[in-house]
Amino acid sequence: MRCLSLVILVALLAACRYDVEETLYGTNCPDVIETYEGSVRPLLEAHCTGCHSGAFPESGLDLTTYASARQATLEGSLLDVLVLPESNSLSMPPNGALDSCQIALLQNWAALGAPEF
């Protein structure tokens, strides 16, 4: 009986293990201000506006203004291509995916309603 109790105890303790470390401990992303001017505009300028600006932006998407970035983010077209696997030809940016913290920043910004300041 004592052996059976020990086996059950070990099984219960093993079942309590949590494998999704990010969910348990957070993403370890730096704290950022999730506003357009505070962090989104610099991110877009560093990774997106090289192609998505000017008179003829790629795919007709100009990400140089708050209004256009907000609309693309809230309607989902921006986030949809950012989370695609790099092997997908539609994945953006084409020179390498954003890291998980950068994507989380944009997702959180969208969840907040894409504030400007």
N, C-alpha and C. Protein backbone atom coordinates (compact mmCIF):
# COMPACT_ATOMS: atom_id res chain seq x y z
N MET A 1 0.83 -1.19 0.00
CA MET A 1 0.00 0.00 0.00
C MET A 1 0.87 1.25 0.00
N ARG A 2 1.93 1.21 0.80
CA ARG A 2 2.83 2.35 0.90
C ARG A 2 3.49 2.63 -0.46
N CYS A 3 3.85 1.59 -1.19
CA CYS A 3 4.48 1.70 -2.51
C CYS A 3 3.51 2.34 -3.51
N LEU A 4 2.24 1.92 -3.45
CA LEU A 4 1.22 2.47 -4.33
C LEU A 4 1.02 3.96 -4.05
N SER A 5 1.01 4.35 -2.78
CA SER A 5 0.88 5.75 -2.41
C SER A 5 2.05 6.58 -2.94
N LEU A 6 3.23 6.02 -2.87
CA LEU A 6 4.42 6.71 -3.36
C LEU A 6 4.35 6.89 -4.88
N VAL A 7 3.91 5.87 -5.59
CA VAL A 7 3.77 5.95 -7.04
C VAL A 7 2.75 7.00 -7.43
N ILE A 8 1.63 7.05 -6.73
CA ILE A 8 0.59 8.04 -7.01
C ILE A 8 1.11 9.46 -6.73
N LEU A 9 1.85 9.63 -5.65
CA LEU A 9 2.41 10.92 -5.31
C LEU A 9 3.38 11.39 -6.39
N VAL A 10 4.25 10.51 -6.83
CA VAL A 10 5.21 10.86 -7.88
C VAL A 10 4.49 11.21 -9.17
N ALA A 11 3.46 10.47 -9.52
CA ALA A 11 2.69 10.74 -10.73
C ALA A 11 2.00 12.10 -10.65
N LEU A 12 1.45 12.43 -9.51
CA LEU A 12 0.80 13.73 -9.33
C LEU A 12 1.80 14.88 -9.44
N LEU A 13 2.95 14.72 -8.83
CA LEU A 13 3.97 15.76 -8.90
C LEU A 13 4.49 15.94 -10.32
N ALA A 14 4.66 14.86 -11.04
CA ALA A 14 5.11 14.95 -12.44
C ALA A 14 4.06 15.63 -13.30
N ALA A 15 2.79 15.42 -13.00
CA ALA A 15 1.71 16.02 -13.77
C ALA A 15 1.61 17.52 -13.53
N CYS A 16 2.21 18.02 -12.48
CA CYS A 16 2.14 19.45 -12.16
C CYS A 16 3.19 20.27 -12.92
N ARG A 17 4.03 19.61 -13.68
CA ARG A 17 5.05 20.32 -14.45
C ARG A 17 4.40 21.15 -15.53
N TYR A 18 4.93 22.34 -15.78
CA TYR A 18 4.36 23.26 -16.76
C TYR A 18 5.41 23.50 -17.84
N ASP A 19 5.13 23.10 -19.08
CA ASP A 19 6.12 23.14 -20.14
C ASP A 19 6.15 24.45 -20.92
N VAL A 20 5.18 25.29 -20.80
CA VAL A 20 5.15 26.51 -21.59
C VAL A 20 5.73 27.64 -20.74
N GLU A 21 7.04 27.74 -20.79
CA GLU A 21 7.76 28.68 -19.93
C GLU A 21 7.32 30.12 -20.16
N GLU A 22 7.09 30.52 -21.42
CA GLU A 22 6.71 31.89 -21.72
C GLU A 22 5.40 32.25 -21.03
N THR A 23 4.43 31.32 -21.02
CA THR A 23 3.16 31.57 -20.37
C THR A 23 3.34 31.67 -18.85
N LEU A 24 4.21 30.86 -18.31
CA LEU A 24 4.43 30.84 -16.88
C LEU A 24 5.22 32.04 -16.39
N TYR A 25 6.29 32.37 -17.09
CA TYR A 25 7.21 33.42 -16.62
C TYR A 25 7.14 34.72 -17.41
N GLY A 26 6.33 34.80 -18.44
CA GLY A 26 6.28 35.99 -19.27
C GLY A 26 7.25 35.89 -20.42
N THR A 27 7.26 36.90 -21.27
CA THR A 27 8.06 36.85 -22.48
C THR A 27 9.46 37.40 -22.30
N ASN A 28 9.77 37.98 -21.17
CA ASN A 28 11.06 38.63 -20.94
C ASN A 28 11.29 39.79 -21.90
N CYS A 29 10.23 40.36 -22.43
CA CYS A 29 10.35 41.52 -23.30
C CYS A 29 10.55 42.75 -22.44
N PRO A 30 11.33 43.71 -22.94
CA PRO A 30 11.50 44.94 -22.17
C PRO A 30 10.18 45.69 -22.07
N ASP A 31 10.01 46.42 -21.01
CA ASP A 31 8.81 47.25 -20.87
C ASP A 31 8.89 48.38 -21.89
N VAL A 32 7.82 48.55 -22.64
CA VAL A 32 7.76 49.62 -23.63
C VAL A 32 6.44 50.34 -23.52
N ILE A 33 6.41 51.54 -24.02
CA ILE A 33 5.18 52.31 -24.08
C ILE A 33 4.50 51.92 -25.38
N GLU A 34 3.32 51.35 -25.28
CA GLU A 34 2.64 50.84 -26.46
C GLU A 34 1.79 51.93 -27.10
N THR A 35 2.48 52.93 -27.63
CA THR A 35 1.83 53.99 -28.38
C THR A 35 2.57 54.13 -29.70
N TYR A 36 1.92 54.77 -30.65
CA TYR A 36 2.53 54.95 -31.96
C TYR A 36 3.83 55.74 -31.85
N GLU A 37 3.75 56.90 -31.25
CA GLU A 37 4.95 57.75 -31.14
C GLU A 37 6.01 57.15 -30.22
N GLY A 38 5.57 56.46 -29.18
CA GLY A 38 6.51 55.93 -28.20
C GLY A 38 7.32 54.75 -28.68
N SER A 39 6.73 53.86 -29.46
CA SER A 39 7.48 52.67 -29.85
C SER A 39 7.10 52.07 -31.20
N VAL A 40 5.88 52.27 -31.67
CA VAL A 40 5.46 51.65 -32.92
C VAL A 40 6.11 52.33 -34.12
N ARG A 41 6.08 53.66 -34.17
CA ARG A 41 6.68 54.37 -35.31
C ARG A 41 8.15 54.02 -35.48
N PRO A 42 8.97 54.02 -34.41
CA PRO A 42 10.37 53.64 -34.59
C PRO A 42 10.54 52.20 -35.11
N LEU A 43 9.68 51.30 -34.66
CA LEU A 43 9.76 49.91 -35.13
C LEU A 43 9.41 49.83 -36.61
N LEU A 44 8.35 50.51 -37.03
CA LEU A 44 7.96 50.51 -38.44
C LEU A 44 9.03 51.17 -39.31
N GLU A 45 9.62 52.25 -38.81
CA GLU A 45 10.68 52.92 -39.57
C GLU A 45 11.90 52.02 -39.75
N ALA A 46 12.20 51.24 -38.74
CA ALA A 46 13.37 50.36 -38.81
C ALA A 46 13.15 49.15 -39.70
N HIS A 47 11.90 48.67 -39.80
CA HIS A 47 11.67 47.40 -40.48
C HIS A 47 10.70 47.44 -41.65
N CYS A 48 9.93 48.51 -41.81
CA CYS A 48 8.83 48.46 -42.80
C CYS A 48 8.84 49.60 -43.82
N THR A 49 9.12 50.81 -43.38
CA THR A 49 8.90 51.94 -44.27
C THR A 49 9.92 52.06 -45.40
N GLY A 50 10.97 51.26 -45.37
CA GLY A 50 11.89 51.24 -46.50
C GLY A 50 11.17 50.83 -47.78
N CYS A 51 10.20 49.93 -47.66
CA CYS A 51 9.42 49.46 -48.82
C CYS A 51 8.01 50.05 -48.83
N HIS A 52 7.46 50.31 -47.65
CA HIS A 52 6.07 50.75 -47.55
C HIS A 52 5.99 52.25 -47.29
N SER A 53 6.50 53.02 -48.26
CA SER A 53 6.46 54.48 -48.19
C SER A 53 6.64 55.04 -49.59
N GLY A 54 6.52 56.34 -49.69
CA GLY A 54 6.76 57.00 -50.97
C GLY A 54 5.54 57.00 -51.88
N ALA A 55 5.78 57.41 -53.13
CA ALA A 55 4.70 57.54 -54.10
C ALA A 55 4.11 56.20 -54.50
N PHE A 56 4.93 55.16 -54.51
CA PHE A 56 4.46 53.83 -54.92
C PHE A 56 4.89 52.79 -53.89
N PRO A 57 4.25 52.78 -52.71
CA PRO A 57 4.64 51.82 -51.67
C PRO A 57 4.29 50.38 -52.08
N GLU A 58 5.11 49.44 -51.63
CA GLU A 58 4.85 48.03 -51.91
C GLU A 58 3.44 47.65 -51.48
N SER A 59 2.76 46.90 -52.31
CA SER A 59 1.40 46.41 -52.05
C SER A 59 0.42 47.54 -51.78
N GLY A 60 0.78 48.76 -52.14
CA GLY A 60 -0.10 49.90 -51.91
C GLY A 60 -0.24 50.28 -50.45
N LEU A 61 0.64 49.75 -49.60
CA LEU A 61 0.55 49.99 -48.16
C LEU A 61 1.63 50.96 -47.72
N ASP A 62 1.24 52.17 -47.40
CA ASP A 62 2.15 53.19 -46.90
C ASP A 62 2.04 53.19 -45.37
N LEU A 63 3.14 52.89 -44.71
CA LEU A 63 3.12 52.83 -43.24
C LEU A 63 3.83 54.02 -42.60
N THR A 64 3.89 55.14 -43.29
CA THR A 64 4.62 56.29 -42.77
C THR A 64 3.78 57.21 -41.90
N THR A 65 2.46 57.03 -41.88
CA THR A 65 1.63 57.90 -41.05
C THR A 65 0.94 57.08 -39.96
N TYR A 66 0.58 57.78 -38.91
CA TYR A 66 -0.15 57.13 -37.82
C TYR A 66 -1.44 56.52 -38.34
N ALA A 67 -2.21 57.28 -39.14
CA ALA A 67 -3.51 56.81 -39.61
C ALA A 67 -3.39 55.53 -40.43
N SER A 68 -2.41 55.47 -41.33
CA SER A 68 -2.28 54.27 -42.16
C SER A 68 -1.77 53.08 -41.36
N ALA A 69 -0.84 53.31 -40.44
CA ALA A 69 -0.33 52.22 -39.59
C ALA A 69 -1.43 51.71 -38.68
N ARG A 70 -2.23 52.60 -38.12
CA ARG A 70 -3.34 52.21 -37.25
C ARG A 70 -4.35 51.37 -38.01
N GLN A 71 -4.73 51.83 -39.20
CA GLN A 71 -5.72 51.11 -39.98
C GLN A 71 -5.20 49.71 -40.35
N ALA A 72 -3.97 49.62 -40.83
CA ALA A 72 -3.40 48.32 -41.22
C ALA A 72 -3.30 47.37 -40.03
N THR A 73 -3.01 47.92 -38.86
CA THR A 73 -2.88 47.09 -37.67
C THR A 73 -4.24 46.63 -37.16
N LEU A 74 -5.18 47.55 -37.05
CA LEU A 74 -6.49 47.19 -36.51
C LEU A 74 -7.29 46.29 -37.44
N GLU A 75 -7.13 46.43 -38.75
CA GLU A 75 -7.85 45.54 -39.67
C GLU A 75 -7.16 44.19 -39.80
N GLY A 76 -5.94 44.09 -39.28
CA GLY A 76 -5.25 42.81 -39.26
C GLY A 76 -4.26 42.57 -40.38
N SER A 77 -4.28 43.39 -41.41
CA SER A 77 -3.40 43.12 -42.56
C SER A 77 -1.93 43.21 -42.20
N LEU A 78 -1.55 44.07 -41.30
CA LEU A 78 -0.15 44.19 -40.90
C LEU A 78 0.26 43.00 -40.03
N LEU A 79 -0.49 42.71 -38.99
CA LEU A 79 -0.14 41.62 -38.09
C LEU A 79 -0.19 40.26 -38.78
N ASP A 80 -1.12 40.09 -39.71
CA ASP A 80 -1.25 38.81 -40.41
C ASP A 80 0.04 38.41 -41.12
N VAL A 81 0.69 39.35 -41.79
CA VAL A 81 1.91 39.01 -42.53
C VAL A 81 3.14 38.95 -41.64
N LEU A 82 3.08 39.59 -40.48
CA LEU A 82 4.22 39.57 -39.57
C LEU A 82 4.35 38.25 -38.81
N VAL A 83 3.25 37.54 -38.64
CA VAL A 83 3.29 36.29 -37.87
C VAL A 83 3.41 35.05 -38.75
N LEU A 84 3.46 35.24 -40.05
CA LEU A 84 3.64 34.09 -40.95
C LEU A 84 5.03 33.51 -40.77
N PRO A 85 5.19 32.21 -41.00
CA PRO A 85 6.54 31.63 -40.93
C PRO A 85 7.43 32.25 -42.02
N GLU A 86 8.70 32.39 -41.74
CA GLU A 86 9.62 32.99 -42.70
C GLU A 86 9.64 32.24 -44.03
N SER A 87 9.29 30.96 -44.02
CA SER A 87 9.28 30.18 -45.25
C SER A 87 8.13 30.57 -46.19
N ASN A 88 7.13 31.27 -45.66
CA ASN A 88 6.00 31.72 -46.47
C ASN A 88 6.42 32.94 -47.27
N SER A 89 6.16 32.95 -48.56
CA SER A 89 6.58 34.06 -49.41
C SER A 89 5.90 35.39 -49.06
N LEU A 90 4.79 35.34 -48.34
CA LEU A 90 4.10 36.57 -47.94
C LEU A 90 4.59 37.12 -46.60
N SER A 91 5.48 36.40 -45.94
CA SER A 91 5.98 36.83 -44.63
C SER A 91 6.72 38.16 -44.74
N MET A 92 6.48 39.01 -43.78
CA MET A 92 7.14 40.31 -43.73
C MET A 92 7.82 40.47 -42.38
N PRO A 93 8.85 41.25 -42.33
CA PRO A 93 9.59 41.83 -43.45
C PRO A 93 10.38 40.77 -44.20
N PRO A 94 10.66 41.01 -45.48
CA PRO A 94 11.30 39.99 -46.31
C PRO A 94 12.75 39.69 -45.91
N ASN A 95 13.38 40.59 -45.19
CA ASN A 95 14.79 40.38 -44.80
C ASN A 95 14.93 39.72 -43.43
N GLY A 96 13.88 39.11 -42.93
CA GLY A 96 13.94 38.42 -41.63
C GLY A 96 12.80 38.85 -40.73
N ALA A 97 12.25 37.89 -40.03
CA ALA A 97 11.07 38.14 -39.19
C ALA A 97 11.40 39.03 -38.00
N LEU A 98 10.38 39.73 -37.54
CA LEU A 98 10.50 40.47 -36.29
C LEU A 98 10.61 39.47 -35.15
N ASP A 99 11.23 39.87 -34.06
CA ASP A 99 11.31 38.95 -32.93
C ASP A 99 9.98 38.95 -32.17
N SER A 100 9.84 38.01 -31.27
CA SER A 100 8.57 37.83 -30.56
C SER A 100 8.17 39.06 -29.75
N CYS A 101 9.14 39.80 -29.22
CA CYS A 101 8.83 41.00 -28.45
C CYS A 101 8.28 42.10 -29.35
N GLN A 102 8.84 42.24 -30.54
CA GLN A 102 8.35 43.25 -31.48
C GLN A 102 6.94 42.93 -31.94
N ILE A 103 6.67 41.67 -32.21
CA ILE A 103 5.32 41.27 -32.61
C ILE A 103 4.35 41.47 -31.44
N ALA A 104 4.77 41.11 -30.24
CA ALA A 104 3.92 41.31 -29.05
C ALA A 104 3.62 42.79 -28.86
N LEU A 105 4.60 43.65 -29.10
CA LEU A 105 4.38 45.09 -28.99
C LEU A 105 3.25 45.52 -29.92
N LEU A 106 3.29 45.09 -31.18
CA LEU A 106 2.26 45.48 -32.14
C LEU A 106 0.91 44.87 -31.79
N GLN A 107 0.91 43.64 -31.31
CA GLN A 107 -0.35 43.01 -30.89
C GLN A 107 -0.95 43.74 -29.70
N ASN A 108 -0.12 44.10 -28.74
CA ASN A 108 -0.61 44.84 -27.56
C ASN A 108 -1.10 46.22 -27.97
N TRP A 109 -0.39 46.86 -28.88
CA TRP A 109 -0.81 48.19 -29.37
C TRP A 109 -2.19 48.08 -30.01
N ALA A 110 -2.40 47.05 -30.83
CA ALA A 110 -3.70 46.84 -31.46
C ALA A 110 -4.78 46.58 -30.41
N ALA A 111 -4.46 45.76 -29.40
CA ALA A 111 -5.42 45.44 -28.35
C ALA A 111 -5.83 46.67 -27.55
N LEU A 112 -4.93 47.65 -27.46
CA LEU A 112 -5.23 48.90 -26.76
C LEU A 112 -6.00 49.89 -27.63
N GLY A 113 -6.26 49.52 -28.89
CA GLY A 113 -6.95 50.41 -29.81
C GLY A 113 -6.00 51.28 -30.61
N ALA A 114 -4.73 50.95 -30.63
CA ALA A 114 -3.70 51.64 -31.40
C ALA A 114 -3.59 53.12 -31.05
N PRO A 115 -3.29 53.43 -29.77
CA PRO A 115 -3.19 54.85 -29.38
C PRO A 115 -2.01 55.56 -30.04
N GLU A 116 -2.20 56.84 -30.29
CA GLU A 116 -1.13 57.62 -30.94
C GLU A 116 -0.07 58.07 -29.94
N PHE A 117 -0.51 58.62 -28.78
CA PHE A 117 0.46 59.12 -27.80
C PHE A 117 0.34 58.37 -26.50
